[in-house]
């Protein structure tokens, strides 16, 4: 049995310009700051009674002040959470075996699940504000911060029509960590860690699936590309049960949570509701996206002599380029 090959330093992101390391005081302070900001927003929402059952100020100006404060606090939270999340993903996206990064990510997700709960409370409150007769256009015009978030506020009111109860939404947020999100992470980990035996120049080596995909796409030799293609398909076939479970877990979560909010429709009408009411597009836009996502089964490949051939491509699960 051949010994493991020393690959040296593997490709990775340079992240020290964000935080020095996963265990640095700067990173820990940022996480603590995020927790503090989230708690302050919780206190603000409680003080202003931001929920569907909460008291609504009698004037547009009063509502606009609350909206402005919420937007400022939420923007600060999302900016910091986005930086921390990107920092963590920079590690995990290139090394799914990094247990420290994965542990930090899990801790981070437990903190940020509260952000979604806060969004739900505000969404329900603003929807109720408009339902009770407040002029959304007048509210937006009454405050510069609201004007800067015109589209967001209009979408928030529209999305409020599809909310479950506050308790149901909170439970869904909590369960997402062990439900749909967990299945999604498992799919990424499983696909990124597949190794495939592949022969090149008379030597058989176990190579990562991402490297095999690169050979399939870019190797100058036609036969090598074809063998890589066939090896990749075989690899995915060996993982079909695990990947099917992951996809069923994610889709099952989506369909279950979507059911209570799904608008009624005629039996003969296609079920586009989920993508439409959760996005800002139209049914036609959804159809165009589906068409664009349809895999191309034939792509042009250039062989070593400069001639072109057509080669089938697999319907791949995303293995993550460097994971």
Protein backbone atom coordinates (compact mmCIF):
# COMPACT_ATOMS: atom_id res chain seq x y z
CA UNK A 1 0.00 0.00 0.00
CA UNK A 2 1.41 3.34 -0.99
CA UNK A 3 1.97 5.96 1.68
CA UNK A 4 -0.04 9.18 1.66
CA UNK A 5 1.36 11.84 -0.61
CA UNK A 6 2.49 15.07 1.02
CA UNK A 7 0.45 17.76 -0.69
CA UNK A 8 2.08 20.60 1.18
CA UNK A 9 0.04 23.68 2.01
CA UNK A 10 -3.38 23.34 0.40
CA UNK A 11 -5.23 26.30 -1.17
CA UNK A 12 -6.98 28.45 1.41
CA UNK A 13 -8.39 31.92 1.85
CA UNK A 14 -6.24 34.63 3.42
CA UNK A 15 -8.57 35.82 6.20
CA UNK A 16 -6.25 37.54 8.66
CA UNK A 17 -7.33 40.95 7.34
CA UNK A 18 -10.77 40.23 8.84
CA UNK A 19 -9.80 38.59 12.15
CA UNK A 20 -6.36 37.16 13.04
CA UNK A 21 -7.69 33.64 13.64
CA UNK A 22 -10.65 31.60 14.85
CA UNK A 23 -9.29 31.69 18.39
CA UNK A 24 -8.21 35.33 18.41
CA UNK A 25 -9.58 37.82 20.93
CA UNK A 26 -10.70 40.03 18.03
CA UNK A 27 -12.96 37.29 16.69
CA UNK A 28 -14.33 36.44 20.14
CA UNK A 29 -15.03 40.13 20.80
CA UNK A 30 -16.90 40.42 17.52
CA UNK A 31 -19.14 37.46 18.42
CA UNK A 32 -19.81 38.97 21.86
CA UNK A 33 -20.59 42.33 20.24
CA UNK A 34 -23.07 40.61 17.93
CA UNK A 35 -24.81 38.93 20.88
CA UNK A 36 -25.02 42.27 22.68
CA UNK A 37 -26.53 44.02 19.66
CA UNK A 38 -29.11 41.27 19.23
CA UNK A 39 -30.12 41.52 22.90
CA UNK A 40 -30.48 45.30 22.59
CA UNK A 41 -32.77 44.86 19.61
CA UNK A 42 -34.80 42.32 21.62
CA UNK A 43 -35.21 44.96 24.33
CA UNK A 44 -36.24 47.57 21.77
CA UNK A 45 -38.84 45.27 20.21
CA UNK A 46 -40.23 44.45 23.64
CA UNK A 47 -40.32 48.11 24.70
CA UNK A 48 -42.15 49.21 21.53
CA UNK A 49 -44.44 46.16 21.60
CA UNK A 50 -43.38 45.06 18.11
CA UNK A 51 -45.59 42.10 17.31
CA UNK A 52 -48.91 41.49 15.62
CA UNK A 53 -50.67 41.96 18.96
CA UNK A 54 -48.63 45.03 19.94
CA UNK A 55 -49.86 48.57 20.32
CA UNK A 56 -49.53 50.74 17.21
CA UNK A 57 -48.67 54.46 17.49
CA UNK A 58 -51.50 56.76 16.43
CA UNK A 59 -49.41 58.91 14.07
CA UNK A 60 -47.49 58.09 10.91
CA UNK A 61 -44.56 60.02 12.30
CA UNK A 62 -44.47 57.86 15.43
CA UNK A 63 -44.55 54.68 13.36
CA UNK A 64 -41.81 56.04 11.11
CA UNK A 65 -39.52 56.70 14.09
CA UNK A 66 -39.89 53.08 15.26
CA UNK A 67 -39.27 51.78 11.74
CA UNK A 68 -36.17 53.96 11.41
CA UNK A 69 -34.69 52.76 14.70
CA UNK A 70 -35.40 49.14 13.83
CA UNK A 71 -33.74 49.51 10.41
CA UNK A 72 -30.61 51.09 11.88
CA UNK A 73 -30.19 48.47 14.59
CA UNK A 74 -30.92 45.60 12.20
CA UNK A 75 -28.52 46.90 9.55
CA UNK A 76 -25.73 47.05 12.14
CA UNK A 77 -26.49 43.50 13.26
CA UNK A 78 -26.62 42.13 9.72
CA UNK A 79 -23.38 43.86 8.74
CA UNK A 80 -21.52 42.36 11.70
CA UNK A 81 -23.16 38.94 11.30
CA UNK A 82 -22.30 38.98 7.60
CA UNK A 83 -18.64 39.64 8.35
CA UNK A 84 -18.44 36.89 10.97
CA UNK A 85 -20.32 34.44 8.75
CA UNK A 86 -18.08 35.13 5.77
CA UNK A 87 -14.99 34.70 7.95
CA UNK A 88 -16.19 31.27 9.13
CA UNK A 89 -17.23 30.19 5.66
CA UNK A 90 -13.79 31.12 4.37
CA UNK A 91 -12.40 28.30 6.50
CA UNK A 92 -15.12 25.73 5.93
CA UNK A 93 -15.39 26.27 2.18
CA UNK A 94 -11.77 25.17 1.68
CA UNK A 95 -11.55 22.57 4.44
CA UNK A 96 -14.70 20.76 5.54
CA UNK A 97 -12.55 18.69 7.93
CA UNK A 98 -11.80 21.78 10.05
CA UNK A 99 -13.58 20.82 13.27
CA UNK A 100 -12.75 24.09 15.04
CA UNK A 101 -14.33 26.17 12.26
CA UNK A 102 -17.40 23.93 12.20
CA UNK A 103 -17.80 24.22 15.97
CA UNK A 104 -17.53 28.01 15.75
CA UNK A 105 -20.07 28.00 12.95
CA UNK A 106 -22.55 26.02 15.06
CA UNK A 107 -22.10 28.47 17.95
CA UNK A 108 -22.60 31.36 15.54
CA UNK A 109 -25.79 29.85 14.12
CA UNK A 110 -27.29 29.42 17.59
CA UNK A 111 -26.78 33.15 18.13
CA UNK A 112 -28.08 34.31 14.76
CA UNK A 113 -31.28 32.24 14.84
CA UNK A 114 -32.62 35.07 17.02
CA UNK A 115 -32.19 37.50 14.11
CA UNK A 116 -34.85 35.63 12.15
CA UNK A 117 -37.21 35.73 15.12
CA UNK A 118 -36.75 39.49 15.30
CA UNK A 119 -37.44 39.85 11.58
CA UNK A 120 -40.66 37.86 11.98
CA UNK A 121 -41.88 40.09 14.81
CA UNK A 122 -41.21 43.24 12.80
CA UNK A 123 -42.73 41.78 9.66
CA UNK A 124 -45.93 40.83 11.46
CA UNK A 125 -46.13 44.20 13.18
CA UNK A 126 -45.65 46.24 10.02
CA UNK A 127 -48.19 44.11 8.18
CA UNK A 128 -50.68 44.76 10.96
CA UNK A 129 -49.89 48.50 10.83
CA UNK A 130 -50.84 48.63 7.15
CA UNK A 131 -53.82 46.29 7.64
CA UNK A 132 -55.24 48.71 10.21
CA UNK A 133 -55.20 51.54 7.71
CA UNK A 134 -51.79 53.20 7.93
CA UNK A 135 -50.55 54.59 4.62
CA UNK A 136 -47.31 52.78 3.78
CA UNK A 137 -46.36 55.40 1.22
CA UNK A 138 -46.86 58.16 3.76
CA UNK A 139 -44.86 56.22 6.33
CA UNK A 140 -41.97 55.84 3.91
CA UNK A 141 -42.09 59.49 2.93
CA UNK A 142 -42.07 60.58 6.59
CA UNK A 143 -38.53 59.39 7.33
CA UNK A 144 -35.26 59.42 5.32
CA UNK A 145 -34.23 55.99 6.63
CA UNK A 146 -37.57 54.54 5.55
CA UNK A 147 -37.13 56.14 2.12
CA UNK A 148 -33.76 54.40 1.77
CA UNK A 149 -35.53 51.09 2.46
CA UNK A 150 -38.61 51.65 0.31
CA UNK A 151 -38.46 48.32 -1.52
CA UNK A 152 -37.64 46.35 1.63
CA UNK A 153 -40.59 47.81 3.53
CA UNK A 154 -43.02 47.11 0.70
CA UNK A 155 -41.74 43.53 0.47
CA UNK A 156 -42.00 43.16 4.25
CA UNK A 157 -45.67 44.08 4.16
CA UNK A 158 -46.29 41.66 1.29
CA UNK A 159 -44.43 38.82 3.03
CA UNK A 160 -46.35 39.38 6.26
CA UNK A 161 -49.39 37.81 4.58
CA UNK A 162 -47.68 34.41 4.61
CA UNK A 163 -46.51 34.24 8.21
CA UNK A 164 -47.46 31.52 10.62
CA UNK A 165 -48.19 32.50 14.21
CA UNK A 166 -45.32 34.14 16.08
CA UNK A 167 -44.93 30.95 18.12
CA UNK A 168 -44.91 28.81 14.96
CA UNK A 169 -42.31 31.01 13.28
CA UNK A 170 -40.11 30.95 16.39
CA UNK A 171 -40.31 27.16 16.57
CA UNK A 172 -39.48 26.88 12.86
CA UNK A 173 -36.40 29.05 13.40
CA UNK A 174 -35.20 26.89 16.29
CA UNK A 175 -35.82 23.64 14.44
CA UNK A 176 -34.05 24.86 11.30
CA UNK A 177 -30.70 24.20 12.98
CA UNK A 178 -31.49 20.50 13.27
CA UNK A 179 -33.77 20.35 10.23
CA UNK A 180 -33.35 21.84 6.75
CA UNK A 181 -30.13 23.68 7.52
CA UNK A 182 -28.56 20.58 9.04
CA UNK A 183 -29.42 18.49 5.97
CA UNK A 184 -28.00 21.21 3.73
CA UNK A 185 -24.73 21.27 5.66
CA UNK A 186 -24.53 17.49 5.58
CA UNK A 187 -24.90 17.51 1.80
CA UNK A 188 -22.05 20.00 1.50
CA UNK A 189 -19.81 17.99 3.80
CA UNK A 190 -20.55 14.63 2.18
CA UNK A 191 -20.01 15.86 -1.37
CA UNK A 192 -16.85 17.78 -0.53
CA UNK A 193 -15.16 14.79 1.11
CA UNK A 194 -15.66 12.22 -1.65
CA UNK A 195 -12.41 10.76 -3.01
CA UNK A 196 -12.35 8.90 -6.32
CA UNK A 197 -9.67 6.46 -7.58
CA UNK A 198 -8.43 7.72 -10.94
CA UNK A 199 -5.58 6.59 -13.18
CA UNK A 200 -3.22 9.06 -14.82
CA UNK A 201 0.09 8.18 -16.46
CA UNK A 202 -0.14 4.63 -15.17
CA UNK A 203 -0.62 5.64 -11.53
CA UNK A 204 -3.94 5.22 -9.68
CA UNK A 205 -4.58 7.85 -7.03
CA UNK A 206 -7.53 8.78 -4.83
CA UNK A 207 -8.33 12.36 -5.76
CA UNK A 208 -11.02 14.76 -4.42
CA UNK A 209 -14.22 15.02 -6.45
CA UNK A 210 -13.51 18.69 -7.17
CA UNK A 211 -10.17 17.79 -8.78
CA UNK A 212 -11.89 15.11 -10.84
CA UNK A 213 -14.42 17.68 -12.06
CA UNK A 214 -11.58 19.95 -13.14
CA UNK A 215 -10.03 17.10 -15.14
CA UNK A 216 -13.40 16.38 -16.71
CA UNK A 217 -13.79 20.01 -17.73
CA UNK A 218 -10.27 21.15 -18.60
CA UNK A 219 -7.89 18.27 -19.34
CA UNK A 220 -6.61 18.63 -22.93
CA UNK A 221 -6.95 14.90 -23.66
CA UNK A 222 -10.38 13.75 -24.80
CA UNK A 223 -10.10 10.21 -23.41
CA UNK A 224 -8.92 11.48 -20.03
CA UNK A 225 -11.89 13.84 -19.85
CA UNK A 226 -14.25 11.02 -20.74
CA UNK A 227 -12.78 8.67 -18.12
CA UNK A 228 -13.03 11.46 -15.54
CA UNK A 229 -16.67 12.01 -16.52
CA UNK A 230 -17.49 8.32 -16.11
CA UNK A 231 -15.62 8.11 -12.79
CA UNK A 232 -17.53 11.12 -11.46
CA UNK A 233 -20.90 9.66 -12.42
CA UNK A 234 -19.94 6.40 -10.70
CA UNK A 235 -18.92 8.33 -7.58
CA UNK A 236 -22.25 10.15 -7.41
CA UNK A 237 -24.09 6.86 -7.91
CA UNK A 238 -22.32 5.45 -4.87
CA UNK A 239 -23.63 8.35 -2.78
CA UNK A 240 -27.18 8.47 -4.13
CA UNK A 241 -28.88 7.26 -0.94
CA UNK A 242 -27.10 9.80 1.27
CA UNK A 243 -27.67 12.67 -1.15
CA UNK A 244 -31.32 11.73 -1.68
CA UNK A 245 -31.83 11.82 2.09
CA UNK A 246 -30.24 15.28 2.23
CA UNK A 247 -32.41 16.63 -0.58
CA UNK A 248 -35.54 15.09 0.91
CA UNK A 249 -34.72 16.62 4.28
CA UNK A 250 -34.29 20.10 2.83
CA UNK A 251 -37.30 19.94 0.53
CA UNK A 252 -39.45 18.31 3.19
CA UNK A 253 -38.68 21.17 5.56
CA UNK A 254 -39.57 23.75 2.91
CA UNK A 255 -42.85 22.09 1.94
CA UNK A 256 -43.91 21.51 5.54
CA UNK A 257 -43.28 25.10 6.59
CA UNK A 258 -44.76 26.48 3.38
CA UNK A 259 -48.04 24.57 3.63
CA UNK A 260 -49.82 26.76 6.22
CA UNK A 261 -48.96 29.94 4.31
CA UNK A 262 -49.55 28.61 0.82
CA UNK A 263 -52.32 30.58 -0.94
CA UNK A 264 -55.22 28.56 -2.25
CA UNK A 265 -55.13 27.88 -5.97
CA UNK A 266 -57.09 25.92 -8.55
CA UNK A 267 -56.05 22.26 -8.80
CA UNK A 268 -55.01 22.74 -12.43
CA UNK A 269 -52.69 25.65 -11.71
CA UNK A 270 -48.93 24.93 -11.32
CA UNK A 271 -47.59 25.27 -7.78
CA UNK A 272 -45.29 28.27 -8.04
CA UNK A 273 -46.45 29.85 -4.80
CA UNK A 274 -43.42 29.09 -2.67
CA UNK A 275 -40.87 30.71 -4.95
CA UNK A 276 -43.17 33.63 -5.69
CA UNK A 277 -44.26 34.65 -2.21
CA UNK A 278 -40.74 34.17 -0.80
CA UNK A 279 -39.07 36.23 -3.51
CA UNK A 280 -39.62 39.45 -5.36
CA UNK A 281 -40.17 37.87 -8.76
CA UNK A 282 -43.17 36.98 -10.84
CA UNK A 283 -44.43 33.64 -12.10
CA UNK A 284 -42.81 34.35 -15.46
CA UNK A 285 -39.57 35.13 -13.68
CA UNK A 286 -39.77 31.83 -11.83
CA UNK A 287 -40.29 29.96 -15.10
CA UNK A 288 -37.28 31.68 -16.68
CA UNK A 289 -35.11 30.78 -13.68
CA UNK A 290 -36.18 27.15 -13.97
CA UNK A 291 -35.31 27.14 -17.66
CA UNK A 292 -31.91 28.67 -16.98
CA UNK A 293 -31.19 26.05 -14.31
CA UNK A 294 -31.88 23.16 -16.68
CA UNK A 295 -28.53 21.35 -17.15
CA UNK A 296 -26.88 21.54 -20.53
CA UNK A 297 -26.18 17.95 -21.49
CA UNK A 298 -23.87 18.89 -24.32
CA UNK A 299 -20.98 21.32 -24.03
CA UNK A 300 -18.21 22.14 -26.45
CA UNK A 301 -14.83 20.79 -25.53
CA UNK A 302 -11.54 21.51 -27.22
CA UNK A 303 -9.09 18.63 -27.64
CA UNK A 304 -5.35 18.94 -27.90
CA UNK A 305 -5.41 19.50 -31.69
CA UNK A 306 -7.81 22.42 -31.43
CA UNK A 307 -10.78 20.50 -32.82
CA UNK A 308 -14.09 20.50 -31.02
CA UNK A 309 -16.20 17.67 -29.81
CA UNK A 310 -19.46 17.43 -27.92
CA UNK A 311 -19.35 15.73 -24.54
CA UNK A 312 -22.19 14.95 -22.13
CA UNK A 313 -22.03 16.53 -18.72
CA UNK A 314 -23.41 15.04 -15.49
CA UNK A 315 -26.13 16.69 -13.45
CA UNK A 316 -23.81 17.41 -10.56
CA UNK A 317 -24.43 18.15 -6.96
CA UNK A 318 -22.31 21.16 -5.96
CA UNK A 319 -19.25 19.70 -4.31
CA UNK A 320 -17.78 23.05 -3.30
CA UNK A 321 -14.68 24.00 -5.26
CA UNK A 322 -12.13 23.60 -2.53
CA UNK A 323 -13.92 21.73 0.18
